[in-house]
Amino acid sequence: MTNKIQWEFPQALEDEAIYILRETAAQFERPAILFSGGKDSITIVRLAQKAFYPGKVPFPLLHVDTGHNFPETIQFRDWLVESLGLDLRVRYVQDSIDQGKAQEETGKYASRNALQTVTLLDAIEELKFDACIGGARRDEEKARAKERIFSVRDEFGQWNAKMQRPELFDMLNGKIQLGENVRVFPISNWTELDVWNYIRRENLQIPSIYFSHEREIIERDGMYWPYSPFLNTTEEETPFRQKVRFRTVGDMTCTAAVISEADKLEDIISEILEAKISERGARIDDKRSEAAMEKRKQAGYF
């Protein structure tokens, strides 16, 4: 019985997420889905399809492209948008750098992850989005566990953990002042295992990097970094080929791989059930400090 439960998806989670998406459409004028090409945002797209069927997904997709993405993720993004007839808006971190609004990091651990905030806030202002829907979950990281389903950002795009609104009895309050916006988290109460069981149940397509494949990596700080032109390596860090996969998808400079032979959904789910580290344990950007994620959120990060 225990094993069967581990492989089942709780229907109540889908029902809750669809309710949240419909409330978002009802309470806001210009919502958008923040889309990264990862499994969580793919799940959000599927939920939006169901929430508004037989109509089209009523929200555009916004992708903040750092320029350091996995090529497989960008290819999948473009395929999904074309196959489902979605409205995709892309804004580029490189443009923010060229405009002098963001400064490229240097050094061994340089990443564009934090620079996304500038581009995201500019895009929200430019496109006049009053709600941005994303796939963040409370089980991923302790700062995300503090957020409400409707998480209000002030006129500067900043988040204050002490100013969160109560959401008793699933009542969602979307009232905001001029200049404010809300981040919406329909799958906040899901776990990593729930997402994978949902992908399995719905037979969703996902980027190939989630499955075991051979690629060049380097070992650094006890983690396996994907080797790429964007990674600043030392002479001692020699790339080698290894069968790996990725549990989470961010930039190539801040997402570590895990050695794995899991090349089917059932194998991935079994691997997660036995995992000793959390999903974001492979996100290098979260390791910069104890409160790295919370500080990024306070500045306007998703």
Protein backbone atom coordinates (compact mmCIF):
# COMPACT_ATOMS: atom_id res chain seq x y z
CA MET A 1 0.00 0.00 0.00
CA THR A 2 2.81 2.45 0.87
CA ASN A 3 4.51 1.92 -2.46
CA LYS A 4 1.22 2.51 -4.33
CA ILE A 5 0.68 5.81 -2.50
CA GLN A 6 4.17 6.96 -3.48
CA TRP A 7 3.30 6.52 -7.15
CA GLU A 8 -0.15 8.18 -7.03
CA PHE A 9 -0.85 11.83 -7.70
CA PRO A 10 -3.26 13.49 -5.21
CA GLN A 11 -6.15 14.85 -7.33
CA ALA A 12 -6.85 17.54 -4.70
CA LEU A 13 -3.59 19.27 -5.67
CA GLU A 14 -4.68 19.68 -9.29
CA ASP A 15 -8.10 20.93 -8.18
CA GLU A 16 -6.47 23.53 -5.92
CA ALA A 17 -4.08 24.70 -8.67
CA ILE A 18 -6.92 25.09 -11.19
CA TYR A 19 -8.90 27.11 -8.63
CA ILE A 20 -5.88 29.39 -8.11
CA LEU A 21 -5.42 29.93 -11.85
CA ARG A 22 -9.09 30.77 -12.30
CA GLU A 23 -8.96 33.20 -9.37
CA THR A 24 -5.91 34.83 -10.96
CA ALA A 25 -7.80 35.32 -14.23
CA ALA A 26 -10.77 36.74 -12.34
CA GLN A 27 -8.89 39.13 -10.02
CA PHE A 28 -6.15 40.54 -12.28
CA GLU A 29 -6.19 42.40 -15.56
CA ARG A 30 -2.86 41.33 -17.10
CA PRO A 31 -1.46 38.08 -15.67
CA ALA A 32 1.44 36.19 -17.25
CA ILE A 33 3.09 32.82 -16.73
CA LEU A 34 6.81 33.02 -15.94
CA PHE A 35 8.21 30.21 -18.06
CA SER A 36 11.69 28.74 -17.74
CA GLY A 37 11.26 25.54 -19.74
CA GLY A 38 11.66 23.50 -16.54
CA LYS A 39 9.30 20.81 -15.28
CA ASP A 40 7.42 23.11 -12.87
CA SER A 41 6.57 25.77 -15.45
CA ILE A 42 5.63 23.02 -17.92
CA THR A 43 3.25 21.72 -15.26
CA ILE A 44 1.75 25.20 -14.87
CA VAL A 45 1.07 25.37 -18.62
CA ARG A 46 -0.71 22.02 -18.46
CA LEU A 47 -2.82 23.18 -15.50
CA ALA A 48 -3.73 26.38 -17.36
CA GLN A 49 -4.85 24.31 -20.35
CA LYS A 50 -7.16 22.34 -18.09
CA ALA A 51 -8.39 25.39 -16.14
CA PHE A 52 -9.62 27.18 -19.26
CA TYR A 53 -10.50 24.31 -21.59
CA PRO A 54 -11.90 24.38 -24.26
CA GLY A 55 -10.55 27.92 -24.58
CA LYS A 56 -6.90 28.74 -25.08
CA VAL A 57 -4.49 29.53 -22.25
CA PRO A 58 -5.44 33.19 -21.55
CA PHE A 59 -2.02 34.22 -20.24
CA PRO A 60 1.12 35.01 -22.24
CA LEU A 61 4.36 33.28 -21.29
CA LEU A 62 7.29 35.44 -20.18
CA HIS A 63 10.79 33.99 -20.35
CA VAL A 64 13.73 35.94 -18.94
CA ASP A 65 16.57 34.61 -21.09
CA THR A 66 19.97 34.93 -19.43
CA GLY A 67 21.86 33.75 -22.50
CA HIS A 68 23.39 30.97 -20.39
CA ASN A 69 20.53 28.52 -20.69
CA PHE A 70 20.84 24.85 -21.59
CA PRO A 71 20.32 24.62 -25.39
CA GLU A 72 17.99 21.67 -24.81
CA THR A 73 15.72 23.86 -22.68
CA ILE A 74 15.45 26.63 -25.29
CA GLN A 75 14.72 24.08 -28.03
CA PHE A 76 11.99 22.55 -25.88
CA ARG A 77 10.52 25.99 -25.06
CA ASP A 78 10.19 26.88 -28.73
CA TRP A 79 8.70 23.48 -29.57
CA LEU A 80 6.10 23.72 -26.79
CA VAL A 81 5.06 27.25 -27.71
CA GLU A 82 4.61 26.31 -31.36
CA SER A 83 2.82 23.01 -30.71
CA LEU A 84 0.32 24.54 -28.25
CA GLY A 85 -0.08 27.90 -29.97
CA LEU A 86 1.05 29.88 -26.92
CA ASP A 87 1.94 33.58 -26.75
CA LEU A 88 5.62 33.84 -25.75
CA ARG A 89 7.37 37.06 -24.75
CA VAL A 90 11.15 36.87 -24.26
CA ARG A 91 13.30 39.49 -22.56
CA TYR A 92 17.09 39.22 -22.44
CA VAL A 93 19.55 39.76 -19.59
CA GLN A 94 22.14 40.72 -22.20
CA ASP A 95 20.01 43.75 -23.07
CA SER A 96 20.05 44.83 -19.41
CA ILE A 97 23.84 44.48 -19.38
CA ASP A 98 24.20 46.44 -22.63
CA GLN A 99 22.00 49.21 -21.21
CA GLY A 100 24.15 49.46 -18.09
CA LYS A 101 21.31 48.32 -15.81
CA ALA A 102 23.07 45.10 -14.79
CA GLN A 103 26.76 44.30 -14.37
CA GLU A 104 28.28 41.04 -15.52
CA GLU A 105 29.87 39.06 -12.67
CA THR A 106 33.48 37.97 -12.91
CA GLY A 107 35.55 35.24 -11.31
CA LYS A 108 35.31 31.52 -10.83
CA TYR A 109 31.69 31.50 -9.65
CA ALA A 110 30.33 34.16 -12.03
CA SER A 111 26.67 33.69 -12.91
CA ARG A 112 23.87 35.69 -14.47
CA ASN A 113 21.26 34.21 -12.16
CA ALA A 114 20.91 37.29 -9.93
CA LEU A 115 20.92 39.60 -12.95
CA GLN A 116 17.54 38.19 -14.02
CA THR A 117 15.86 40.38 -11.42
CA VAL A 118 16.61 43.59 -13.31
CA THR A 119 15.31 42.19 -16.59
CA LEU A 120 12.22 40.69 -14.94
CA LEU A 121 11.20 43.92 -13.18
CA ASP A 122 11.72 45.92 -16.36
CA ALA A 123 9.59 43.42 -18.30
CA ILE A 124 6.79 43.58 -15.72
CA GLU A 125 6.75 47.37 -15.98
CA GLU A 126 7.02 47.42 -19.77
CA LEU A 127 4.30 44.82 -20.36
CA LYS A 128 2.17 46.09 -17.45
CA PHE A 129 1.74 42.65 -15.86
CA ASP A 130 -0.08 42.85 -12.52
CA ALA A 131 0.35 39.15 -11.70
CA CYS A 132 3.12 36.71 -12.62
CA ILE A 133 2.36 33.01 -12.27
CA GLY A 134 5.22 30.65 -11.49
CA GLY A 135 6.06 27.12 -10.49
CA ALA A 136 7.84 27.75 -7.17
CA ARG A 137 7.00 25.26 -4.42
CA ARG A 138 7.30 25.49 -0.65
CA ASP A 139 9.24 22.24 -0.39
CA GLU A 140 12.08 23.57 -2.56
CA GLU A 141 13.66 26.09 -0.19
CA LYS A 142 12.91 27.72 3.17
CA ALA A 143 12.45 31.24 1.77
CA ARG A 144 9.84 29.92 -0.64
CA ALA A 145 8.08 28.24 2.27
CA LYS A 146 7.31 31.70 3.68
CA GLU A 147 5.37 32.89 0.65
CA ARG A 148 1.63 32.92 0.23
CA ILE A 149 -0.20 31.70 -2.88
CA PHE A 150 -0.77 35.37 -3.80
CA SER A 151 2.56 36.95 -2.83
CA VAL A 152 2.47 40.75 -3.07
CA ARG A 153 5.44 42.78 -4.32
CA ASP A 154 5.67 46.52 -3.68
CA GLU A 155 6.04 49.26 -6.30
CA PHE A 156 9.78 48.48 -6.47
CA GLY A 157 9.16 44.78 -7.06
CA GLN A 158 10.44 43.88 -3.59
CA TRP A 159 9.11 41.21 -1.26
CA ASN A 160 8.71 41.59 2.50
CA ALA A 161 8.18 38.36 4.44
CA LYS A 162 6.57 40.29 7.32
CA MET A 163 3.91 41.80 5.05
CA GLN A 164 2.36 38.54 3.85
CA ARG A 165 -1.44 38.36 3.80
CA PRO A 166 -3.42 35.64 5.57
CA GLU A 167 -5.07 33.13 3.24
CA LEU A 168 -7.60 31.50 5.55
CA PHE A 169 -10.06 28.99 4.11
CA ASP A 170 -8.38 29.29 0.69
CA MET A 171 -9.58 32.88 0.29
CA LEU A 172 -7.17 34.67 -2.04
CA ASN A 173 -6.88 38.45 -1.81
CA GLY A 174 -5.62 40.00 -5.04
CA LYS A 175 -6.23 43.65 -4.19
CA ILE A 176 -3.13 45.73 -4.88
CA GLN A 177 -2.19 49.38 -5.02
CA LEU A 178 -1.05 51.15 -8.17
CA GLY A 179 2.46 49.98 -9.06
CA GLU A 180 2.28 46.80 -6.99
CA ASN A 181 2.14 43.34 -8.50
CA VAL A 182 1.58 39.80 -7.29
CA ARG A 183 3.51 36.57 -7.80
CA VAL A 184 1.12 33.61 -7.96
CA PHE A 185 2.15 30.08 -6.98
CA PRO A 186 -0.50 27.50 -8.01
CA ILE A 187 1.65 24.48 -7.12
CA SER A 188 3.08 25.91 -3.91
CA ASN A 189 1.73 22.97 -1.89
CA TRP A 190 3.11 20.31 -4.24
CA THR A 191 6.32 18.37 -3.65
CA GLU A 192 8.96 17.36 -6.18
CA LEU A 193 7.47 13.86 -6.14
CA ASP A 194 3.99 15.27 -6.82
CA VAL A 195 5.28 17.10 -9.89
CA TRP A 196 6.91 13.98 -11.30
CA ASN A 197 3.84 11.85 -10.62
CA TYR A 198 1.73 14.48 -12.39
CA ILE A 199 4.08 14.51 -15.39
CA ARG A 200 3.80 10.74 -15.46
CA ARG A 201 0.00 10.76 -15.17
CA GLU A 202 -0.46 13.46 -17.82
CA ASN A 203 2.25 12.01 -20.10
CA LEU A 204 3.87 15.44 -20.43
CA GLN A 205 6.90 16.06 -22.62
CA ILE A 206 9.92 17.55 -20.80
CA PRO A 207 13.45 18.65 -21.83
CA SER A 208 15.87 15.79 -22.44
CA ILE A 209 18.33 16.97 -19.76
CA TYR A 210 16.00 15.63 -17.05
CA PHE A 211 16.83 12.13 -18.28
CA SER A 212 20.20 10.41 -18.00
CA HIS A 213 22.53 11.32 -20.85
CA GLU A 214 26.26 11.58 -21.45
CA ARG A 215 27.84 15.05 -21.43
CA GLU A 216 31.02 16.86 -20.48
CA ILE A 217 31.19 17.95 -16.84
CA ILE A 218 33.76 19.14 -14.35
CA GLU A 219 33.96 18.37 -10.63
CA ARG A 220 34.04 21.43 -8.39
CA ASP A 221 33.32 21.70 -4.65
CA GLY A 222 32.06 18.13 -4.61
CA MET A 223 29.47 18.84 -7.30
CA TYR A 224 29.27 18.07 -11.02
CA TRP A 225 29.03 21.24 -13.10
CA PRO A 226 28.04 21.12 -16.79
CA TYR A 227 30.97 22.18 -18.90
CA SER A 228 30.11 25.10 -21.19
CA PRO A 229 31.63 28.27 -22.70
CA PHE A 230 29.89 30.26 -19.95
CA LEU A 231 31.69 28.51 -17.09
CA ASN A 232 34.92 30.06 -15.83
CA THR A 233 37.21 27.11 -15.18
CA THR A 234 40.73 26.78 -13.82
CA GLU A 235 43.53 24.76 -15.41
CA GLU A 236 42.99 21.97 -12.88
CA GLU A 237 39.31 21.61 -13.80
CA THR A 238 39.54 19.24 -16.75
CA PRO A 239 36.22 18.25 -18.35
CA PHE A 240 35.34 14.58 -18.62
CA ARG A 241 32.36 12.69 -19.98
CA GLN A 242 29.86 11.11 -17.62
CA LYS A 243 26.26 9.90 -17.66
CA VAL A 244 24.27 12.45 -15.65
CA ARG A 245 20.88 14.12 -15.44
CA PHE A 246 19.50 17.31 -13.87
CA ARG A 247 16.86 17.43 -11.13
CA THR A 248 16.27 21.15 -11.59
CA VAL A 249 16.93 23.47 -14.52
CA GLY A 250 18.54 26.87 -14.22
CA ASP A 251 21.51 28.41 -16.01
CA MET A 252 24.42 26.20 -17.04
CA THR A 253 26.59 28.18 -14.59
CA CYS A 254 24.47 27.50 -11.51
CA THR A 255 22.87 24.08 -11.96
CA ALA A 256 24.77 20.97 -10.95
CA ALA A 257 24.15 17.52 -12.39
CA VAL A 258 23.68 14.24 -10.57
CA ILE A 259 25.28 11.02 -11.75
CA SER A 260 22.39 8.86 -12.84
CA GLU A 261 21.25 6.05 -15.09
CA ALA A 262 17.58 7.10 -14.88
CA ASP A 263 16.38 7.44 -18.46
CA LYS A 264 12.65 6.80 -17.88
CA LEU A 265 10.06 8.56 -15.71
CA GLU A 266 9.64 5.52 -13.49
CA ASP A 267 13.40 5.44 -12.87
CA ILE A 268 13.46 9.16 -12.01
CA ILE A 269 10.62 8.76 -9.51
CA SER A 270 12.35 5.77 -7.89
CA GLU A 271 15.57 7.79 -7.70
CA ILE A 272 13.79 10.72 -6.00
CA LEU A 273 12.27 8.39 -3.42
CA GLU A 274 15.78 7.29 -2.45
CA ALA A 275 17.48 10.71 -2.69
CA LYS A 276 19.37 11.95 0.37
CA ILE A 277 19.61 15.60 -0.70
CA SER A 278 16.87 18.05 -1.66
CA GLU A 279 16.08 19.03 -5.22
CA ARG A 280 17.71 22.45 -4.85
CA GLY A 281 20.74 20.87 -3.27
CA ALA A 282 22.02 20.85 -6.85
CA ARG A 283 21.45 24.59 -7.34
CA ILE A 284 24.80 26.27 -6.88
CA ASP A 285 23.29 29.77 -6.67
CA ASP A 286 21.51 28.82 -3.43
CA LYS A 287 24.85 28.03 -1.76
CA ARG A 288 26.32 31.53 -1.89
CA SER A 289 24.99 32.24 1.59
CA GLU A 290 22.55 30.78 4.12
CA ALA A 291 19.91 33.31 3.06
CA ALA A 292 20.79 33.55 -0.63
CA MET A 293 17.29 32.89 -1.95
CA GLU A 294 15.57 35.19 0.54
CA LYS A 295 17.92 38.08 -0.29
CA ARG A 296 17.21 37.62 -4.01
CA LYS A 297 13.48 37.60 -3.32
CA GLN A 298 13.69 40.79 -1.31
CA ALA A 299 15.33 42.46 -4.29
CA GLY A 300 12.60 41.31 -6.68
CA TYR A 301 13.70 37.84 -7.81
CA PHE A 302 10.86 35.45 -8.58
